[in-house]
Structures are given as structure tokens and as C-alpha cells.
Amino acid sequence: PAVLTTSAAVVFTMTSSGTVAGAFINVNGSATIDNTTGILFSAGDFTAGSKTVTSGDTINVTYTLSAAG
């Protein structure tokens, strides 16, 4: 299968405390809170499990796409 990985991790800086369990990719969506535009392309839990965060923490996310070819 073909595999596509982002060239570098995308860094997210937390602005409050909580638990982050995973991520999603929304194509042509909006960053506005509660906006439901766009197409959900992918969603999933982090392979390393959930992370408890506080304001100022950063999370580095790398996405891997596999496709049968």
C-alpha cells in the first residue's frame, strides 16, 4: 500500500486544561467554534493514548495515510 506522511509534525498549543484523545481532519471547514461546514476526511485516537494537558502545553501531531494500490 502507498503511505503518505506529513513532512513535519503539526504543533498545537493548548489554551486551556483538559484531555486530548485524538484528532480529525476537516476539508474546507472553518476554525470557528460550532461551525459544521466542510467534509470530515479522517478522525482517530492518538496511538500513544490520551494526553492530559494544561494551558501552554504543546502537542506534535503527525498524520499517516495508507491506501491500497
C-alpha atoms as a PDB file:
ATOM      1  CA  PRO A   1       0.000   0.000   0.000  1.00  0.00           C
ATOM      2  CA  ALA A   2       1.000   3.601  -0.571  1.00  0.00           C
ATOM      3  CA  VAL A   3       1.759   5.589   2.575  1.00  0.00           C
ATOM      4  CA  LEU A   4       1.707   9.381   2.887  1.00  0.00           C
ATOM      5  CA  THR A   5       3.059  11.085   5.994  1.00  0.00           C
ATOM      6  CA  THR A   6       3.189  14.814   6.707  1.00  0.00           C
ATOM      7  CA  SER A   7       6.722  16.121   6.208  1.00  0.00           C
ATOM      8  CA  ALA A   8       6.822  17.512   9.732  1.00  0.00           C
ATOM      9  CA  ALA A   9       4.667  17.326  12.827  1.00  0.00           C
ATOM     10  CA  VAL A  10       1.961  19.950  13.160  1.00  0.00           C
ATOM     11  CA  VAL A  11       2.268  21.693  16.535  1.00  0.00           C
ATOM     12  CA  PHE A  12      -0.852  22.593  18.529  1.00  0.00           C
ATOM     13  CA  THR A  13      -0.553  24.863  21.575  1.00  0.00           C
ATOM     14  CA  MET A  14      -3.168  24.284  24.253  1.00  0.00           C
ATOM     15  CA  THR A  15      -5.102  27.312  25.526  1.00  0.00           C
ATOM     16  CA  SER A  16      -6.793  25.573  28.469  1.00  0.00           C
ATOM     17  CA  SER A  17      -6.657  22.399  30.533  1.00  0.00           C
ATOM     18  CA  GLY A  18      -8.270  19.089  29.611  1.00  0.00           C
ATOM     19  CA  THR A  19      -7.720  15.732  27.970  1.00  0.00           C
ATOM     20  CA  VAL A  20      -6.891  15.319  24.281  1.00  0.00           C
ATOM     21  CA  ALA A  21      -7.737  11.873  22.922  1.00  0.00           C
ATOM     22  CA  GLY A  22      -7.221  12.271  19.180  1.00  0.00           C
ATOM     23  CA  ALA A  23      -7.576  14.498  16.152  1.00  0.00           C
ATOM     24  CA  PHE A  24      -9.600  14.969  12.990  1.00  0.00           C
ATOM     25  CA  ILE A  25      -9.150  16.490   9.538  1.00  0.00           C
ATOM     26  CA  ASN A  26     -11.940  18.652   8.116  1.00  0.00           C
ATOM     27  CA  VAL A  27     -11.539  19.670   4.454  1.00  0.00           C
ATOM     28  CA  ASN A  28     -12.838  23.165   3.543  1.00  0.00           C
ATOM     29  CA  GLY A  29     -14.143  23.683   7.069  1.00  0.00           C
ATOM     30  CA  SER A  30     -13.936  26.660   9.365  1.00  0.00           C
ATOM     31  CA  ALA A  31     -11.951  27.211  12.553  1.00  0.00           C
ATOM     32  CA  THR A  32     -14.961  28.969  14.077  1.00  0.00           C
ATOM     33  CA  ILE A  33     -16.309  27.187  17.156  1.00  0.00           C
ATOM     34  CA  ASP A  34     -19.528  25.214  16.471  1.00  0.00           C
ATOM     35  CA  ASN A  35     -19.252  25.737  12.687  1.00  0.00           C
ATOM     36  CA  THR A  36     -20.213  22.483  10.941  1.00  0.00           C
ATOM     37  CA  THR A  37     -19.111  23.313   7.386  1.00  0.00           C
ATOM     38  CA  GLY A  38     -16.650  21.177   5.458  1.00  0.00           C
ATOM     39  CA  ILE A  39     -16.182  17.473   4.899  1.00  0.00           C
ATOM     40  CA  LEU A  40     -14.861  15.176   7.622  1.00  0.00           C
ATOM     41  CA  PHE A  41     -11.906  13.414   5.964  1.00  0.00           C
ATOM     42  CA  SER A  42     -10.435  11.480   8.865  1.00  0.00           C
ATOM     43  CA  ALA A  43     -10.711  11.090  12.644  1.00  0.00           C
ATOM     44  CA  GLY A  44      -8.964   8.900  15.157  1.00  0.00           C
ATOM     45  CA  ASP A  45      -7.476   8.381  18.573  1.00  0.00           C
ATOM     46  CA  PHE A  46      -3.792   9.035  19.192  1.00  0.00           C
ATOM     47  CA  THR A  47      -1.698   5.847  19.034  1.00  0.00           C
ATOM     48  CA  ALA A  48       0.020   6.799  22.307  1.00  0.00           C
ATOM     49  CA  GLY A  49      -3.335   7.235  24.077  1.00  0.00           C
ATOM     50  CA  SER A  50      -4.992  10.254  25.655  1.00  0.00           C
ATOM     51  CA  LYS A  51      -2.921  13.168  26.964  1.00  0.00           C
ATOM     52  CA  THR A  52      -3.810  15.398  29.911  1.00  0.00           C
ATOM     53  CA  VAL A  53      -2.831  18.971  29.047  1.00  0.00           C
ATOM     54  CA  THR A  54      -2.715  22.392  30.658  1.00  0.00           C
ATOM     55  CA  SER A  55      -2.608  25.827  29.069  1.00  0.00           C
ATOM     56  CA  GLY A  56       0.712  26.366  27.268  1.00  0.00           C
ATOM     57  CA  ASP A  57       1.404  22.673  26.620  1.00  0.00           C
ATOM     58  CA  THR A  58       2.084  21.673  23.023  1.00  0.00           C
ATOM     59  CA  ILE A  59       1.122  18.528  21.132  1.00  0.00           C
ATOM     60  CA  ASN A  60       3.019  17.500  17.987  1.00  0.00           C
ATOM     61  CA  VAL A  61       0.791  15.569  15.569  1.00  0.00           C
ATOM     62  CA  THR A  62       1.933  13.574  12.544  1.00  0.00           C
ATOM     63  CA  TYR A  63      -0.681  12.121  10.195  1.00  0.00           C
ATOM     64  CA  THR A  64      -0.123   8.927   8.201  1.00  0.00           C
ATOM     65  CA  LEU A  65      -2.356   7.932   5.297  1.00  0.00           C
ATOM     66  CA  SER A  66      -2.265   4.406   3.882  1.00  0.00           C
ATOM     67  CA  ALA A  67      -4.041   3.375   0.684  1.00  0.00           C
ATOM     68  CA  ALA A  68      -4.252   0.091  -1.175  1.00  0.00           C
ATOM     69  CA  GLY A  69      -2.593   0.445  -4.540  1.00  0.00           C
END
